[in-house]
Amino acid sequence: MTKVLTDTRSIRIKGRSFLALVLSPEPPLDAWLTRLDDLASRSAGFFLGRPVVLDVADLEIDRAGLKRLIDELGKRNVRIMGIEGGRPSLFEPGMPPAMKGGRPAPDIEIPAEPTVEPVGAASAKAAASSLQMEPQAARAISSIVIREPVRSGQSVIFPEGDVTVVGSVASGAEIIAGGSVHIYGTLRGRALAGSVGNASARIFCRRLEAELLAIDGVYKTAEDMAPNLRGQAVQLWLEGDSIMAERLN
């Protein structure tokens, strides 16, 4: 029987990119989960409300092991939106879907926020009420400048390039940049530079009181930082898998 379609309106389907965290577990998984717990305990709420992709490309794991891993992450309030690098035999109904085509530098859109001034983009307009930006057509934009403090609970996400804050970043706030992060005030929250795969990114701040720092996925929490750097003007960069730091004069 042929069904007659009386409603001629079409269904609108759009493409949209979101910045997701990628977790890449390493064996042994028990030790990796312990390190994850340690990170979460020192940066409360870091994974809450975030899209997370589980990358198992370099992990020898069977279906049962993958389900246990997803369950363990769920107990930690880490919600997996998709699994990258998994063999088709690993999946079964009810599991997060397989994901392909992840790109280190996603298409983004222009940031819309009155207090954010894109460098080299005269036409950028402000419209959002939150500092969490959704940049549009920003291929010509390599950095943004935020001319007010970033308050607790606010997020600045700019995967296309550098983020400069002319002010402080409060505890519980975060800056996520595809390039470097520059803070011309006190950094008490979180700063993640090189978030889309840029090992040459750096973090600069006038006064270091950060609760978490990351460059190209390598993390350092407040407890890991040298005491003599706290309260100082510093720059941080990545050498291999280690975050290096030095005081700025």
C-alpha atoms as a PDB file:
ATOM      1  CA  MET A   1       0.000   0.000   0.000  1.00  0.00           C
ATOM      2  CA  THR A   2       1.360   3.370  -0.956  1.00  0.00           C
ATOM      3  CA  LYS A   3       1.127   6.035   1.727  1.00  0.00           C
ATOM      4  CA  VAL A   4       0.225   9.481   0.444  1.00  0.00           C
ATOM      5  CA  LEU A   5       2.403  12.176   1.984  1.00  0.00           C
ATOM      6  CA  THR A   6       0.160  15.141   2.676  1.00  0.00           C
ATOM      7  CA  ASP A   7       2.649  17.207   4.654  1.00  0.00           C
ATOM      8  CA  THR A   8       5.104  18.661   2.151  1.00  0.00           C
ATOM      9  CA  ARG A   9       7.385  20.177   4.753  1.00  0.00           C
ATOM     10  CA  SER A  10      10.849  18.644   4.710  1.00  0.00           C
ATOM     11  CA  ILE A  11      12.928  17.565   7.666  1.00  0.00           C
ATOM     12  CA  ARG A  12      15.865  19.870   8.160  1.00  0.00           C
ATOM     13  CA  ILE A  13      19.185  18.144   8.714  1.00  0.00           C
ATOM     14  CA  LYS A  14      22.253  20.189   9.528  1.00  0.00           C
ATOM     15  CA  GLY A  15      25.873  19.474  10.218  1.00  0.00           C
ATOM     16  CA  ARG A  16      27.349  20.833  13.410  1.00  0.00           C
ATOM     17  CA  SER A  17      30.687  20.410  15.145  1.00  0.00           C
ATOM     18  CA  PHE A  18      31.256  20.251  18.876  1.00  0.00           C
ATOM     19  CA  LEU A  19      34.470  20.127  20.795  1.00  0.00           C
ATOM     20  CA  ALA A  20      34.666  16.836  22.680  1.00  0.00           C
ATOM     21  CA  LEU A  21      37.211  15.513  25.084  1.00  0.00           C
ATOM     22  CA  VAL A  22      38.919  12.335  23.936  1.00  0.00           C
ATOM     23  CA  LEU A  23      39.926   9.763  26.518  1.00  0.00           C
ATOM     24  CA  SER A  24      42.576   7.279  25.390  1.00  0.00           C
ATOM     25  CA  PRO A  25      42.887   4.569  28.063  1.00  0.00           C
ATOM     26  CA  GLU A  26      46.208   2.822  28.515  1.00  0.00           C
ATOM     27  CA  PRO A  27      46.846  -0.627  29.929  1.00  0.00           C
ATOM     28  CA  PRO A  28      46.673  -1.715  32.634  1.00  0.00           C
ATOM     29  CA  LEU A  29      43.184  -0.240  32.838  1.00  0.00           C
ATOM     30  CA  ASP A  30      42.954  -0.429  36.632  1.00  0.00           C
ATOM     31  CA  ALA A  31      45.983   1.827  36.949  1.00  0.00           C
ATOM     32  CA  TRP A  32      44.629   4.167  34.279  1.00  0.00           C
ATOM     33  CA  LEU A  33      41.308   4.450  36.108  1.00  0.00           C
ATOM     34  CA  THR A  34      43.179   5.200  39.307  1.00  0.00           C
ATOM     35  CA  ARG A  35      44.983   8.055  37.573  1.00  0.00           C
ATOM     36  CA  LEU A  36      41.680   9.275  36.179  1.00  0.00           C
ATOM     37  CA  ASP A  37      40.213   9.271  39.699  1.00  0.00           C
ATOM     38  CA  ASP A  38      43.201  11.249  40.885  1.00  0.00           C
ATOM     39  CA  LEU A  39      42.713  13.822  38.142  1.00  0.00           C
ATOM     40  CA  ALA A  40      38.976  14.102  38.841  1.00  0.00           C
ATOM     41  CA  SER A  41      39.545  14.479  42.589  1.00  0.00           C
ATOM     42  CA  ARG A  42      41.844  17.409  42.010  1.00  0.00           C
ATOM     43  CA  SER A  43      39.640  19.110  39.456  1.00  0.00           C
ATOM     44  CA  ALA A  44      36.084  18.544  40.595  1.00  0.00           C
ATOM     45  CA  GLY A  45      33.474  18.582  37.888  1.00  0.00           C
ATOM     46  CA  PHE A  46      35.964  18.467  35.059  1.00  0.00           C
ATOM     47  CA  PHE A  47      34.036  15.796  33.145  1.00  0.00           C
ATOM     48  CA  LEU A  48      30.525  16.847  34.136  1.00  0.00           C
ATOM     49  CA  GLY A  49      28.374  17.833  31.189  1.00  0.00           C
ATOM     50  CA  ARG A  50      31.123  17.311  28.663  1.00  0.00           C
ATOM     51  CA  PRO A  51      30.886  15.217  25.529  1.00  0.00           C
ATOM     52  CA  VAL A  52      33.550  12.534  25.773  1.00  0.00           C
ATOM     53  CA  VAL A  53      34.798  10.240  23.025  1.00  0.00           C
ATOM     54  CA  LEU A  54      36.510   7.014  24.051  1.00  0.00           C
ATOM     55  CA  ASP A  55      39.487   6.247  21.818  1.00  0.00           C
ATOM     56  CA  VAL A  56      40.325   2.520  21.913  1.00  0.00           C
ATOM     57  CA  ALA A  57      42.444   2.382  18.764  1.00  0.00           C
ATOM     58  CA  ASP A  58      45.598   1.521  20.717  1.00  0.00           C
ATOM     59  CA  LEU A  59      43.906  -0.710  23.274  1.00  0.00           C
ATOM     60  CA  GLU A  60      43.744  -4.499  23.112  1.00  0.00           C
ATOM     61  CA  ILE A  61      40.261  -5.093  24.429  1.00  0.00           C
ATOM     62  CA  ASP A  62      37.328  -7.409  23.775  1.00  0.00           C
ATOM     63  CA  ARG A  63      33.637  -6.582  23.921  1.00  0.00           C
ATOM     64  CA  ALA A  64      33.229  -7.607  27.545  1.00  0.00           C
ATOM     65  CA  GLY A  65      36.235  -5.552  28.532  1.00  0.00           C
ATOM     66  CA  LEU A  66      34.930  -2.544  26.644  1.00  0.00           C
ATOM     67  CA  LYS A  67      31.564  -2.802  28.393  1.00  0.00           C
ATOM     68  CA  ARG A  68      33.284  -2.983  31.763  1.00  0.00           C
ATOM     69  CA  LEU A  69      35.354   0.059  30.884  1.00  0.00           C
ATOM     70  CA  ILE A  70      32.262   2.038  29.847  1.00  0.00           C
ATOM     71  CA  ASP A  71      30.550   0.996  33.075  1.00  0.00           C
ATOM     72  CA  GLU A  72      33.529   2.108  35.132  1.00  0.00           C
ATOM     73  CA  LEU A  73      33.556   5.460  33.391  1.00  0.00           C
ATOM     74  CA  GLY A  74      29.817   5.787  33.952  1.00  0.00           C
ATOM     75  CA  LYS A  75      30.360   5.281  37.703  1.00  0.00           C
ATOM     76  CA  ARG A  76      32.662   8.282  37.503  1.00  0.00           C
ATOM     77  CA  ASN A  77      30.022  10.387  35.718  1.00  0.00           C
ATOM     78  CA  VAL A  78      31.998  10.238  32.482  1.00  0.00           C
ATOM     79  CA  ARG A  79      29.397   9.835  29.752  1.00  0.00           C
ATOM     80  CA  ILE A  80      30.699   8.385  26.508  1.00  0.00           C
ATOM     81  CA  MET A  81      29.068   9.870  23.422  1.00  0.00           C
ATOM     82  CA  GLY A  82      30.929   7.620  21.001  1.00  0.00           C
ATOM     83  CA  ILE A  83      33.786   5.178  20.543  1.00  0.00           C
ATOM     84  CA  GLU A  84      36.600   5.797  18.120  1.00  0.00           C
ATOM     85  CA  GLY A  85      38.998   3.217  16.744  1.00  0.00           C
ATOM     86  CA  GLY A  86      36.982   0.160  17.769  1.00  0.00           C
ATOM     87  CA  ARG A  87      36.596  -2.977  15.657  1.00  0.00           C
ATOM     88  CA  PRO A  88      33.028  -3.673  14.476  1.00  0.00           C
ATOM     89  CA  SER A  89      32.980  -6.857  16.580  1.00  0.00           C
ATOM     90  CA  LEU A  90      33.309  -4.767  19.751  1.00  0.00           C
ATOM     91  CA  PHE A  91      29.911  -3.169  19.373  1.00  0.00           C
ATOM     92  CA  GLU A  92      26.486  -4.365  20.335  1.00  0.00           C
ATOM     93  CA  PRO A  93      23.096  -2.650  20.710  1.00  0.00           C
ATOM     94  CA  GLY A  94      22.966  -0.251  23.618  1.00  0.00           C
ATOM     95  CA  MET A  95      26.593   0.735  23.429  1.00  0.00           C
ATOM     96  CA  PRO A  96      27.791   4.203  22.378  1.00  0.00           C
ATOM     97  CA  PRO A  97      28.080   4.360  18.595  1.00  0.00           C
ATOM     98  CA  ALA A  98      31.256   3.966  16.610  1.00  0.00           C
ATOM     99  CA  MET A  99      32.703   7.274  15.515  1.00  0.00           C
ATOM    100  CA  LYS A 100      34.917   8.000  12.562  1.00  0.00           C
ATOM    101  CA  GLY A 101      36.379  11.049  10.952  1.00  0.00           C
ATOM    102  CA  GLY A 102      37.406  12.934  14.077  1.00  0.00           C
ATOM    103  CA  ARG A 103      39.499  15.912  13.115  1.00  0.00           C
ATOM    104  CA  PRO A 104      42.030  17.721  15.279  1.00  0.00           C
ATOM    105  CA  ALA A 105      40.815  21.102  14.017  1.00  0.00           C
ATOM    106  CA  PRO A 106      37.049  21.045  13.516  1.00  0.00           C
ATOM    107  CA  ASP A 107      35.088  23.555  11.517  1.00  0.00           C
ATOM    108  CA  ILE A 108      33.972  26.210  13.922  1.00  0.00           C
ATOM    109  CA  GLU A 109      31.810  29.266  13.969  1.00  0.00           C
ATOM    110  CA  ILE A 110      32.383  32.863  14.919  1.00  0.00           C
ATOM    111  CA  PRO A 111      32.306  33.602  18.634  1.00  0.00           C
ATOM    112  CA  ALA A 112      29.314  35.701  19.579  1.00  0.00           C
ATOM    113  CA  GLU A 113      29.937  37.626  22.771  1.00  0.00           C
ATOM    114  CA  PRO A 114      30.166  41.389  23.353  1.00  0.00           C
ATOM    115  CA  THR A 115      33.201  41.103  25.551  1.00  0.00           C
ATOM    116  CA  VAL A 116      35.184  39.026  23.098  1.00  0.00           C
ATOM    117  CA  GLU A 117      37.050  40.807  20.371  1.00  0.00           C
ATOM    118  CA  PRO A 118      38.358  38.614  17.543  1.00  0.00           C
ATOM    119  CA  VAL A 119      41.742  39.770  16.362  1.00  0.00           C
ATOM    120  CA  GLY A 120      41.800  40.423  12.635  1.00  0.00           C
ATOM    121  CA  ALA A 121      38.089  39.889  12.168  1.00  0.00           C
ATOM    122  CA  ALA A 122      36.354  43.230  12.007  1.00  0.00           C
ATOM    123  CA  SER A 123      32.964  41.771  11.283  1.00  0.00           C
ATOM    124  CA  ALA A 124      32.609  39.569  14.352  1.00  0.00           C
ATOM    125  CA  LYS A 125      29.485  40.519  16.310  1.00  0.00           C
ATOM    126  CA  ALA A 126      28.499  39.860  19.879  1.00  0.00           C
ATOM    127  CA  ALA A 127      25.231  38.218  20.753  1.00  0.00           C
ATOM    128  CA  ALA A 128      25.575  35.494  23.356  1.00  0.00           C
ATOM    129  CA  SER A 129      24.881  35.801  27.055  1.00  0.00           C
ATOM    130  CA  SER A 130      27.458  33.207  28.028  1.00  0.00           C
ATOM    131  CA  LEU A 131      31.184  33.163  27.604  1.00  0.00           C
ATOM    132  CA  GLN A 132      30.959  29.653  26.196  1.00  0.00           C
ATOM    133  CA  MET A 133      31.315  30.471  22.538  1.00  0.00           C
ATOM    134  CA  GLU A 134      30.238  28.725  19.434  1.00  0.00           C
ATOM    135  CA  PRO A 135      32.441  30.317  16.782  1.00  0.00           C
ATOM    136  CA  GLN A 136      31.148  30.554  13.208  1.00  0.00           C
ATOM    137  CA  ALA A 137      33.027  30.624   9.936  1.00  0.00           C
ATOM    138  CA  ALA A 138      36.174  31.620  11.740  1.00  0.00           C
ATOM    139  CA  ARG A 139      38.786  30.365   9.337  1.00  0.00           C
ATOM    140  CA  ALA A 140      40.334  33.843   9.218  1.00  0.00           C
ATOM    141  CA  ILE A 141      40.378  34.153  13.004  1.00  0.00           C
ATOM    142  CA  SER A 142      43.490  32.895  14.745  1.00  0.00           C
ATOM    143  CA  SER A 143      42.919  34.396  18.171  1.00  0.00           C
ATOM    144  CA  ILE A 144      40.353  36.074  20.380  1.00  0.00           C
ATOM    145  CA  VAL A 145      40.680  38.597  23.186  1.00  0.00           C
ATOM    146  CA  ILE A 146      38.410  38.623  26.240  1.00  0.00           C
ATOM    147  CA  ARG A 147      38.374  41.971  27.972  1.00  0.00           C
ATOM    148  CA  GLU A 148      36.813  41.008  31.274  1.00  0.00           C
ATOM    149  CA  PRO A 149      37.437  38.441  33.990  1.00  0.00           C
ATOM    150  CA  VAL A 150      36.187  34.937  33.358  1.00  0.00           C
ATOM    151  CA  ARG A 151      33.965  34.053  36.286  1.00  0.00           C
ATOM    152  CA  SER A 152      33.492  30.741  38.049  1.00  0.00           C
ATOM    153  CA  GLY A 153      31.411  28.335  35.991  1.00  0.00           C
ATOM    154  CA  GLN A 154      32.130  30.065  32.697  1.00  0.00           C
ATOM    155  CA  SER A 155      33.943  28.384  29.830  1.00  0.00           C
ATOM    156  CA  VAL A 156      35.761  29.896  26.889  1.00  0.00           C
ATOM    157  CA  ILE A 157      36.200  27.364  24.099  1.00  0.00           C
ATOM    158  CA  PHE A 158      38.080  28.390  20.975  1.00  0.00           C
ATOM    159  CA  PRO A 159      39.620  25.425  19.129  1.00  0.00           C
ATOM    160  CA  GLU A 160      40.766  27.547  16.211  1.00  0.00           C
ATOM    161  CA  GLY A 161      43.619  29.391  17.884  1.00  0.00           C
ATOM    162  CA  ASP A 162      44.899  31.454  20.802  1.00  0.00           C
ATOM    163  CA  VAL A 163      42.832  32.879  23.647  1.00  0.00           C
ATOM    164  CA  THR A 164      43.943  36.015  25.495  1.00  0.00           C
ATOM    165  CA  VAL A 165      42.191  37.091  28.684  1.00  0.00           C
ATOM    166  CA  VAL A 166      42.810  40.683  29.833  1.00  0.00           C
ATOM    167  CA  GLY A 167      41.865  39.846  33.369  1.00  0.00           C
ATOM    168  CA  SER A 168      41.731  36.884  35.699  1.00  0.00           C
ATOM    169  CA  VAL A 169      40.243  33.415  35.375  1.00  0.00           C
ATOM    170  CA  ALA A 170      38.384  32.447  38.527  1.00  0.00           C
ATOM    171  CA  SER A 171      38.407  29.076  40.228  1.00  0.00           C
ATOM    172  CA  GLY A 172      35.892  26.845  38.461  1.00  0.00           C
ATOM    173  CA  ALA A 173      36.257  28.728  35.174  1.00  0.00           C
ATOM    174  CA  GLU A 174      38.144  27.364  32.212  1.00  0.00           C
ATOM    175  CA  ILE A 175      39.845  28.385  28.998  1.00  0.00           C
ATOM    176  CA  ILE A 176      40.125  25.790  26.227  1.00  0.00           C
ATOM    177  CA  ALA A 177      42.158  26.871  23.211  1.00  0.00           C
ATOM    178  CA  GLY A 178      43.407  25.126  20.131  1.00  0.00           C
ATOM    179  CA  GLY A 179      46.472  27.349  20.362  1.00  0.00           C
ATOM    180  CA  SER A 180      48.104  29.101  23.283  1.00  0.00           C
ATOM    181  CA  VAL A 181      46.450  30.639  26.337  1.00  0.00           C
ATOM    182  CA  HIS A 182      47.484  34.078  27.616  1.00  0.00           C
ATOM    183  CA  ILE A 183      46.128  35.294  30.967  1.00  0.00           C
ATOM    184  CA  TYR A 184      46.971  38.879  31.944  1.00  0.00           C
ATOM    185  CA  GLY A 185      45.720  38.338  35.461  1.00  0.00           C
ATOM    186  CA  THR A 186      45.507  35.525  37.981  1.00  0.00           C
ATOM    187  CA  LEU A 187      44.813  32.060  36.630  1.00  0.00           C
ATOM    188  CA  ARG A 188      42.876  30.197  39.347  1.00  0.00           C
ATOM    189  CA  GLY A 189      40.751  27.974  37.129  1.00  0.00           C
ATOM    190  CA  ARG A 190      41.679  25.623  34.334  1.00  0.00           C
ATOM    191  CA  ALA A 191      43.642  26.370  31.175  1.00  0.00           C
ATOM    192  CA  LEU A 192      43.856  23.837  28.349  1.00  0.00           C
ATOM    193  CA  ALA A 193      46.107  24.847  25.454  1.00  0.00           C
ATOM    194  CA  GLY A 194      46.627  22.923  22.227  1.00  0.00           C
ATOM    195  CA  SER A 195      43.333  21.159  22.837  1.00  0.00           C
ATOM    196  CA  VAL A 196      42.938  19.944  19.250  1.00  0.00           C
ATOM    197  CA  GLY A 197      46.431  18.524  18.934  1.00  0.00           C
ATOM    198  CA  ASN A 198      49.008  21.286  19.122  1.00  0.00           C
ATOM    199  CA  ALA A 199      52.072  20.316  21.107  1.00  0.00           C
ATOM    200  CA  SER A 200      53.710  23.689  20.464  1.00  0.00           C
ATOM    201  CA  ALA A 201      50.985  25.610  22.281  1.00  0.00           C
ATOM    202  CA  ARG A 202      51.916  27.392  25.485  1.00  0.00           C
ATOM    203  CA  ILE A 203      50.245  28.831  28.556  1.00  0.00           C
ATOM    204  CA  PHE A 204      51.236  32.240  29.869  1.00  0.00           C
ATOM    205  CA  CYS A 205      49.834  33.873  32.971  1.00  0.00           C
ATOM    206  CA  ARG A 206      50.756  36.795  35.188  1.00  0.00           C
ATOM    207  CA  ARG A 207      49.936  34.968  38.408  1.00  0.00           C
ATOM    208  CA  LEU A 208      49.729  31.187  38.598  1.00  0.00           C
ATOM    209  CA  GLU A 209      47.143  29.765  40.998  1.00  0.00           C
ATOM    210  CA  ALA A 210      45.653  27.256  38.555  1.00  0.00           C
ATOM    211  CA  GLU A 211      43.711  24.195  39.596  1.00  0.00           C
ATOM    212  CA  LEU A 212      44.535  22.394  36.333  1.00  0.00           C
ATOM    213  CA  LEU A 213      46.730  22.979  33.295  1.00  0.00           C
ATOM    214  CA  ALA A 214      46.903  20.971  30.088  1.00  0.00           C
ATOM    215  CA  ILE A 215      48.822  21.198  26.838  1.00  0.00           C
ATOM    216  CA  ASP A 216      47.969  18.846  23.973  1.00  0.00           C
ATOM    217  CA  GLY A 217      46.219  16.492  26.382  1.00  0.00           C
ATOM    218  CA  VAL A 218      49.014  16.313  28.962  1.00  0.00           C
ATOM    219  CA  TYR A 219      47.661  17.412  32.321  1.00  0.00           C
ATOM    220  CA  LYS A 220      49.130  18.899  35.432  1.00  0.00           C
ATOM    221  CA  THR A 221      47.054  19.692  38.496  1.00  0.00           C
ATOM    222  CA  ALA A 222      47.750  22.175  41.267  1.00  0.00           C
ATOM    223  CA  GLU A 223      49.370  19.537  43.454  1.00  0.00           C
ATOM    224  CA  ASP A 224      51.823  18.688  40.677  1.00  0.00           C
ATOM    225  CA  MET A 225      53.130  22.217  40.307  1.00  0.00           C
ATOM    226  CA  ALA A 226      56.353  23.358  41.902  1.00  0.00           C
ATOM    227  CA  PRO A 227      55.542  25.451  45.002  1.00  0.00           C
ATOM    228  CA  ASN A 228      57.953  28.174  43.971  1.00  0.00           C
ATOM    229  CA  LEU A 229      55.872  28.822  40.835  1.00  0.00           C
ATOM    230  CA  ARG A 230      52.642  29.551  42.639  1.00  0.00           C
ATOM    231  CA  GLY A 231      51.740  33.190  42.631  1.00  0.00           C
ATOM    232  CA  GLN A 232      54.369  33.881  39.991  1.00  0.00           C
ATOM    233  CA  ALA A 233      54.261  35.000  36.378  1.00  0.00           C
ATOM    234  CA  VAL A 234      55.045  31.861  34.389  1.00  0.00           C
ATOM    235  CA  GLN A 235      55.004  30.263  30.994  1.00  0.00           C
ATOM    236  CA  LEU A 236      54.427  26.563  30.437  1.00  0.00           C
ATOM    237  CA  TRP A 237      55.172  24.417  27.451  1.00  0.00           C
ATOM    238  CA  LEU A 238      55.364  20.768  26.468  1.00  0.00           C
ATOM    239  CA  GLU A 239      58.513  18.676  26.085  1.00  0.00           C
ATOM    240  CA  GLY A 240      57.646  15.094  25.195  1.00  0.00           C
ATOM    241  CA  ASP A 241      55.021  14.050  27.735  1.00  0.00           C
ATOM    242  CA  SER A 242      56.106  16.551  30.373  1.00  0.00           C
ATOM    243  CA  ILE A 243      54.838  20.053  31.001  1.00  0.00           C
ATOM    244  CA  MET A 244      57.751  22.385  31.629  1.00  0.00           C
ATOM    245  CA  ALA A 245      57.499  25.742  33.369  1.00  0.00           C
ATOM    246  CA  GLU A 246      59.611  28.761  34.083  1.00  0.00           C
ATOM    247  CA  ARG A 247      59.112  32.086  35.759  1.00  0.00           C
ATOM    248  CA  LEU A 248      58.753  35.181  33.628  1.00  0.00           C
ATOM    249  CA  ASN A 249      60.629  38.311  34.566  1.00  0.00           C
END
